């Protein structure tokens, strides 16, 4: 079981979000499933607490409407 599956996206701290983002940035996973789990976790955090994910939006590849 990966660290991602043990975290609740509703209660993650800024430090925990940063750790997930760092893993995604490094992209040093042993399988695609690890990166996918972290990506889904970061996306779930964005849903529950968008302010925590704002510095890492580029990792989610979300389009930002600037209009």
PDB file of N, CA and C in Angstrom:
ATOM      1  N   UNK A   1       0.842  -1.176   0.000  1.00  0.00           N
ATOM      2  CA  UNK A   1       0.000   0.000   0.000  1.00  0.00           C
ATOM      3  C   UNK A   1       0.889   1.241   0.000  1.00  0.00           C
ATOM      4  N   UNK A   2       0.588   2.175  -0.887  1.00  0.00           N
ATOM      5  CA  UNK A   2       1.409   3.378  -0.979  1.00  0.00           C
ATOM      6  C   UNK A   2       0.972   4.412   0.049  1.00  0.00           C
ATOM      7  N   UNK A   3       1.835   5.379   0.259  1.00  0.00           N
ATOM      8  CA  UNK A   3       1.525   6.456   1.200  1.00  0.00           C
ATOM      9  C   UNK A   3       0.275   7.204   0.775  1.00  0.00           C
ATOM     10  N   UNK A   4       0.046   7.312  -0.515  1.00  0.00           N
ATOM     11  CA  UNK A   4      -1.102   8.048  -1.032  1.00  0.00           C
ATOM     12  C   UNK A   4      -2.424   7.457  -0.570  1.00  0.00           C
ATOM     13  N   UNK A   5      -2.503   6.146  -0.521  1.00  0.00           N
ATOM     14  CA  UNK A   5      -3.765   5.514  -0.173  1.00  0.00           C
ATOM     15  C   UNK A   5      -4.068   5.623   1.317  1.00  0.00           C
ATOM     16  N   UNK A   6      -3.121   6.062   2.106  1.00  0.00           N
ATOM     17  CA  UNK A   6      -3.333   6.188   3.537  1.00  0.00           C
ATOM     18  C   UNK A   6      -3.709   7.601   3.954  1.00  0.00           C
ATOM     19  N   UNK A   7      -3.722   8.537   3.020  1.00  0.00           N
ATOM     20  CA  UNK A   7      -3.985   9.930   3.337  1.00  0.00           C
ATOM     21  C   UNK A   7      -5.420  10.309   2.978  1.00  0.00           C
ATOM     22  N   UNK A   8      -6.029  11.133   3.823  1.00  0.00           N
ATOM     23  CA  UNK A   8      -7.374  11.637   3.575  1.00  0.00           C
ATOM     24  C   UNK A   8      -7.237  13.024   2.952  1.00  0.00           C
ATOM     25  N   UNK A   9      -7.671  13.215   1.717  1.00  0.00           N
ATOM     26  CA  UNK A   9      -7.486  14.509   1.054  1.00  0.00           C
ATOM     27  C   UNK A   9      -8.208  15.656   1.749  1.00  0.00           C
ATOM     28  N   UNK A  10      -9.186  15.346   2.581  1.00  0.00           N
ATOM     29  CA  UNK A  10      -9.930  16.404   3.292  1.00  0.00           C
ATOM     30  C   UNK A  10      -9.158  16.971   4.467  1.00  0.00           C
ATOM     31  N   UNK A  11      -8.161  16.225   4.948  1.00  0.00           N
ATOM     32  CA  UNK A  11      -7.466  16.658   6.166  1.00  0.00           C
ATOM     33  C   UNK A  11      -5.960  16.806   5.984  1.00  0.00           C
ATOM     34  N   UNK A  12      -5.502  16.800   4.743  1.00  0.00           N
ATOM     35  CA  UNK A  12      -4.054  16.875   4.511  1.00  0.00           C
ATOM     36  C   UNK A  12      -3.508  18.246   4.874  1.00  0.00           C
ATOM     37  N   UNK A  13      -2.300  18.245   5.375  1.00  0.00           N
ATOM     38  CA  UNK A  13      -1.615  19.485   5.739  1.00  0.00           C
ATOM     39  C   UNK A  13      -0.852  20.015   4.519  1.00  0.00           C
ATOM     40  N   UNK A  14      -0.456  21.282   4.565  1.00  0.00           N
ATOM     41  CA  UNK A  14       0.363  21.813   3.463  1.00  0.00           C
ATOM     42  C   UNK A  14       1.645  21.007   3.251  1.00  0.00           C
ATOM     43  N   UNK A  15       2.227  20.504   4.322  1.00  0.00           N
ATOM     44  CA  UNK A  15       3.450  19.709   4.211  1.00  0.00           C
ATOM     45  C   UNK A  15       3.200  18.399   3.486  1.00  0.00           C
ATOM     46  N   UNK A  16       2.076  17.751   3.789  1.00  0.00           N
ATOM     47  CA  UNK A  16       1.744  16.499   3.121  1.00  0.00           C
ATOM     48  C   UNK A  16       1.468  16.726   1.630  1.00  0.00           C
ATOM     49  N   UNK A  17       0.785  17.812   1.316  1.00  0.00           N
ATOM     50  CA  UNK A  17       0.521  18.146  -0.084  1.00  0.00           C
ATOM     51  C   UNK A  17       1.834  18.406  -0.814  1.00  0.00           C
ATOM     52  N   UNK A  18       2.747  19.104  -0.166  1.00  0.00           N
ATOM     53  CA  UNK A  18       4.049  19.380  -0.774  1.00  0.00           C
ATOM     54  C   UNK A  18       4.814  18.083  -1.047  1.00  0.00           C
ATOM     55  N   UNK A  19       4.725  17.117  -0.138  1.00  0.00           N
ATOM     56  CA  UNK A  19       5.400  15.831  -0.337  1.00  0.00           C
ATOM     57  C   UNK A  19       4.851  15.105  -1.563  1.00  0.00           C
ATOM     58  N   UNK A  20       3.532  15.108  -1.715  1.00  0.00           N
ATOM     59  CA  UNK A  20       2.912  14.479  -2.874  1.00  0.00           C
ATOM     60  C   UNK A  20       3.360  15.187  -4.151  1.00  0.00           C
ATOM     61  N   UNK A  21       3.349  16.515  -4.117  1.00  0.00           N
ATOM     62  CA  UNK A  21       3.761  17.297  -5.280  1.00  0.00           C
ATOM     63  C   UNK A  21       5.228  17.035  -5.628  1.00  0.00           C
ATOM     64  N   UNK A  22       6.071  16.919  -4.625  1.00  0.00           N
ATOM     65  CA  UNK A  22       7.488  16.638  -4.874  1.00  0.00           C
ATOM     66  C   UNK A  22       7.673  15.279  -5.541  1.00  0.00           C
ATOM     67  N   UNK A  23       6.896  14.289  -5.092  1.00  0.00           N
ATOM     68  CA  UNK A  23       6.984  12.965  -5.724  1.00  0.00           C
ATOM     69  C   UNK A  23       6.548  13.048  -7.184  1.00  0.00           C
ATOM     70  N   UNK A  24       5.474  13.789  -7.442  1.00  0.00           N
ATOM     71  CA  UNK A  24       5.011  13.934  -8.822  1.00  0.00           C
ATOM     72  C   UNK A  24       6.038  14.670  -9.680  1.00  0.00           C
ATOM     73  N   UNK A  25       6.650  15.707  -9.128  1.00  0.00           N
ATOM     74  CA  UNK A  25       7.678  16.458  -9.860  1.00  0.00           C
ATOM     75  C   UNK A  25       8.866  15.567 -10.199  1.00  0.00           C
ATOM     76  N   UNK A  26       9.289  14.746  -9.247  1.00  0.00           N
ATOM     77  CA  UNK A  26      10.458  13.884  -9.452  1.00  0.00           C
ATOM     78  C   UNK A  26      10.147  12.744 -10.416  1.00  0.00           C
ATOM     79  N   UNK A  27       8.899  12.308 -10.430  1.00  0.00           N
ATOM     80  CA  UNK A  27       8.462  11.232 -11.316  1.00  0.00           C
ATOM     81  C   UNK A  27       9.386  10.013 -11.238  1.00  0.00           C
ATOM     82  N   UNK A  28       9.716   9.638 -10.027  1.00  0.00           N
ATOM     83  CA  UNK A  28      10.621   8.504  -9.817  1.00  0.00           C
ATOM     84  C   UNK A  28       9.853   7.304  -9.254  1.00  0.00           C
ATOM     85  N   UNK A  29       8.743   6.988  -9.868  1.00  0.00           N
ATOM     86  CA  UNK A  29       7.909   5.891  -9.409  1.00  0.00           C
ATOM     87  C   UNK A  29       8.389   4.578 -10.019  1.00  0.00           C
ATOM     88  N   UNK A  30       8.147   3.496  -9.318  1.00  0.00           N
ATOM     89  CA  UNK A  30       8.509   2.187  -9.843  1.00  0.00           C
ATOM     90  C   UNK A  30       7.445   1.653 -10.802  1.00  0.00           C
ATOM     91  N   UNK A  31       6.237   2.240 -10.737  1.00  0.00           N
ATOM     92  CA  UNK A  31       5.182   1.867 -11.675  1.00  0.00           C
ATOM     93  C   UNK A  31       4.293   3.079 -11.923  1.00  0.00           C
ATOM     94  N   UNK A  32       3.547   3.004 -12.993  1.00  0.00           N
ATOM     95  CA  UNK A  32       2.637   4.095 -13.331  1.00  0.00           C
ATOM     96  C   UNK A  32       1.533   4.231 -12.283  1.00  0.00           C
ATOM     97  N   UNK A  33       1.250   3.174 -11.578  1.00  0.00           N
ATOM     98  CA  UNK A  33       0.171   3.208 -10.601  1.00  0.00           C
ATOM     99  C   UNK A  33       0.491   4.105  -9.411  1.00  0.00           C
ATOM    100  N   UNK A  34       1.748   4.217  -9.044  1.00  0.00           N
ATOM    101  CA  UNK A  34       2.145   5.119  -7.964  1.00  0.00           C
ATOM    102  C   UNK A  34       1.915   6.565  -8.339  1.00  0.00           C
ATOM    103  N   UNK A  35       2.291   6.922  -9.541  1.00  0.00           N
ATOM    104  CA  UNK A  35       2.089   8.308  -9.980  1.00  0.00           C
ATOM    105  C   UNK A  35       0.610   8.601 -10.151  1.00  0.00           C
ATOM    106  N   UNK A  36      -0.135   7.638 -10.641  1.00  0.00           N
ATOM    107  CA  UNK A  36      -1.570   7.833 -10.813  1.00  0.00           C
ATOM    108  C   UNK A  36      -2.264   8.029  -9.465  1.00  0.00           C
ATOM    109  N   UNK A  37      -1.861   7.266  -8.472  1.00  0.00           N
ATOM    110  CA  UNK A  37      -2.438   7.407  -7.133  1.00  0.00           C
ATOM    111  C   UNK A  37      -2.143   8.788  -6.558  1.00  0.00           C
ATOM    112  N   UNK A  38      -0.907   9.262  -6.715  1.00  0.00           N
ATOM    113  CA  UNK A  38      -0.559  10.593  -6.215  1.00  0.00           C
ATOM    114  C   UNK A  38      -1.304  11.679  -6.985  1.00  0.00           C
ATOM    115  N   UNK A  39      -1.453  11.509  -8.306  1.00  0.00           N
ATOM    116  CA  UNK A  39      -2.165  12.491  -9.114  1.00  0.00           C
ATOM    117  C   UNK A  39      -3.622  12.591  -8.671  1.00  0.00           C
ATOM    118  N   UNK A  40      -4.255  11.432  -8.445  1.00  0.00           N
ATOM    119  CA  UNK A  40      -5.650  11.430  -7.989  1.00  0.00           C
ATOM    120  C   UNK A  40      -5.771  12.034  -6.588  1.00  0.00           C
ATOM    121  N   UNK A  41      -4.806  11.766  -5.744  1.00  0.00           N
ATOM    122  CA  UNK A  41      -4.819  12.340  -4.404  1.00  0.00           C
ATOM    123  C   UNK A  41      -4.710  13.861  -4.480  1.00  0.00           C
ATOM    124  N   UNK A  42      -3.799  14.363  -5.293  1.00  0.00           N
ATOM    125  CA  UNK A  42      -3.635  15.813  -5.430  1.00  0.00           C
ATOM    126  C   UNK A  42      -4.903  16.437  -6.009  1.00  0.00           C
ATOM    127  N   UNK A  43      -5.525  15.757  -6.945  1.00  0.00           N
ATOM    128  CA  UNK A  43      -6.769  16.265  -7.526  1.00  0.00           C
ATOM    129  C   UNK A  43      -7.884  16.286  -6.476  1.00  0.00           C
ATOM    130  N   UNK A  44      -7.944  15.288  -5.620  1.00  0.00           N
ATOM    131  CA  UNK A  44      -8.947  15.257  -4.550  1.00  0.00           C
ATOM    132  C   UNK A  44      -8.708  16.379  -3.556  1.00  0.00           C
ATOM    133  N   UNK A  45      -7.455  16.645  -3.239  1.00  0.00           N
ATOM    134  CA  UNK A  45      -7.142  17.762  -2.341  1.00  0.00           C
ATOM    135  C   UNK A  45      -7.601  19.071  -2.985  1.00  0.00           C
ATOM    136  N   UNK A  46      -7.389  19.213  -4.282  1.00  0.00           N
ATOM    137  CA  UNK A  46      -7.813  20.423  -4.991  1.00  0.00           C
ATOM    138  C   UNK A  46      -9.314  20.622  -4.889  1.00  0.00           C
ATOM    139  N   UNK A  47     -10.058  19.546  -4.873  1.00  0.00           N
ATOM    140  CA  UNK A  47     -11.510  19.629  -4.746  1.00  0.00           C
ATOM    141  C   UNK A  47     -11.904  20.093  -3.350  1.00  0.00           C
ATOM    142  N   UNK A  48     -11.259  19.556  -2.323  1.00  0.00           N
ATOM    143  CA  UNK A  48     -11.622  19.850  -0.940  1.00  0.00           C
ATOM    144  C   UNK A  48     -10.976  21.118  -0.403  1.00  0.00           C
ATOM    145  N   UNK A  49      -9.763  21.406  -0.845  1.00  0.00           N
ATOM    146  CA  UNK A  49      -9.034  22.563  -0.316  1.00  0.00           C
ATOM    147  C   UNK A  49      -8.150  23.149  -1.422  1.00  0.00           C
ATOM    148  N   UNK A  50      -8.748  23.864  -2.368  1.00  0.00           N
ATOM    149  CA  UNK A  50      -8.004  24.352  -3.530  1.00  0.00           C
ATOM    150  C   UNK A  50      -6.802  25.224  -3.194  1.00  0.00           C
ATOM    151  N   UNK A  51      -6.848  25.944  -2.089  1.00  0.00           N
ATOM    152  CA  UNK A  51      -5.721  26.810  -1.727  1.00  0.00           C
ATOM    153  C   UNK A  51      -4.435  26.020  -1.507  1.00  0.00           C
ATOM    154  N   UNK A  52      -4.551  24.803  -0.983  1.00  0.00           N
ATOM    155  CA  UNK A  52      -3.360  23.991  -0.727  1.00  0.00           C
ATOM    156  C   UNK A  52      -2.684  23.546  -2.020  1.00  0.00           C
ATOM    157  N   UNK A  53      -3.449  23.415  -3.078  1.00  0.00           N
ATOM    158  CA  UNK A  53      -2.931  22.867  -4.331  1.00  0.00           C
ATOM    159  C   UNK A  53      -2.532  23.957  -5.319  1.00  0.00           C
ATOM    160  N   UNK A  54      -2.916  25.171  -5.048  1.00  0.00           N
ATOM    161  CA  UNK A  54      -2.656  26.263  -5.998  1.00  0.00           C
ATOM    162  C   UNK A  54      -1.219  26.306  -6.517  1.00  0.00           C
ATOM    163  N   UNK A  55      -0.196  26.147  -5.667  1.00  0.00           N
ATOM    164  CA  UNK A  55       1.178  26.181  -6.202  1.00  0.00           C
ATOM    165  C   UNK A  55       1.528  24.993  -7.102  1.00  0.00           C
ATOM    166  N   UNK A  56       0.683  23.977  -7.102  1.00  0.00           N
ATOM    167  CA  UNK A  56       0.994  22.748  -7.831  1.00  0.00           C
ATOM    168  C   UNK A  56       0.005  22.463  -8.966  1.00  0.00           C
ATOM    169  N   UNK A  57      -0.782  23.445  -9.361  1.00  0.00           N
ATOM    170  CA  UNK A  57      -1.783  23.228 -10.402  1.00  0.00           C
ATOM    171  C   UNK A  57      -1.164  22.721 -11.699  1.00  0.00           C
ATOM    172  N   UNK A  58       0.058  23.113 -11.965  1.00  0.00           N
ATOM    173  CA  UNK A  58       0.713  22.646 -13.194  1.00  0.00           C
ATOM    174  C   UNK A  58       0.851  21.123 -13.223  1.00  0.00           C
ATOM    175  N   UNK A  59       0.895  20.498 -12.056  1.00  0.00           N
ATOM    176  CA  UNK A  59       0.998  19.043 -11.998  1.00  0.00           C
ATOM    177  C   UNK A  59      -0.316  18.349 -12.351  1.00  0.00           C
ATOM    178  N   UNK A  60      -1.407  19.069 -12.167  1.00  0.00           N
ATOM    179  CA  UNK A  60      -2.708  18.494 -12.478  1.00  0.00           C
ATOM    180  C   UNK A  60      -3.108  18.736 -13.922  1.00  0.00           C
ATOM    181  N   UNK A  61      -2.363  19.579 -14.602  1.00  0.00           N
ATOM    182  CA  UNK A  61      -2.626  19.909 -16.000  1.00  0.00           C
ATOM    183  C   UNK A  61      -4.052  20.390 -16.194  1.00  0.00           C
ATOM    184  N   UNK A  62      -4.521  21.215 -15.266  1.00  0.00           N
ATOM    185  CA  UNK A  62      -5.854  21.788 -15.381  1.00  0.00           C
ATOM    186  C   UNK A  62      -5.775  23.089 -16.165  1.00  0.00           C
ATOM    187  N   UNK A  63      -6.761  23.325 -16.974  1.00  0.00           N
ATOM    188  CA  UNK A  63      -6.805  24.576 -17.707  1.00  0.00           C
ATOM    189  C   UNK A  63      -7.388  25.641 -16.795  1.00  0.00           C
ATOM    190  N   UNK A  64      -6.732  26.779 -16.743  1.00  0.00           N
ATOM    191  CA  UNK A  64      -7.191  27.877 -15.905  1.00  0.00           C
ATOM    192  C   UNK A  64      -7.813  28.918 -16.816  1.00  0.00           C
ATOM    193  N   UNK A  65      -9.064  29.292 -16.516  1.00  0.00           N
ATOM    194  CA  UNK A  65      -9.753  30.310 -17.284  1.00  0.00           C
ATOM    195  C   UNK A  65      -9.314  31.668 -16.775  1.00  0.00           C
ATOM    196  N   UNK A  66      -8.608  32.398 -17.611  1.00  0.00           N
ATOM    197  CA  UNK A  66      -8.059  33.691 -17.200  1.00  0.00           C
ATOM    198  C   UNK A  66      -8.969  34.854 -17.599  1.00  0.00           C
ATOM    199  N   UNK A  67     -10.167  34.555 -18.120  1.00  0.00           N
ATOM    200  CA  UNK A  67     -11.103  35.618 -18.500  1.00  0.00           C
ATOM    201  C   UNK A  67     -11.855  36.141 -17.325  1.00  0.00           C
TER     202      UNK A  67
END
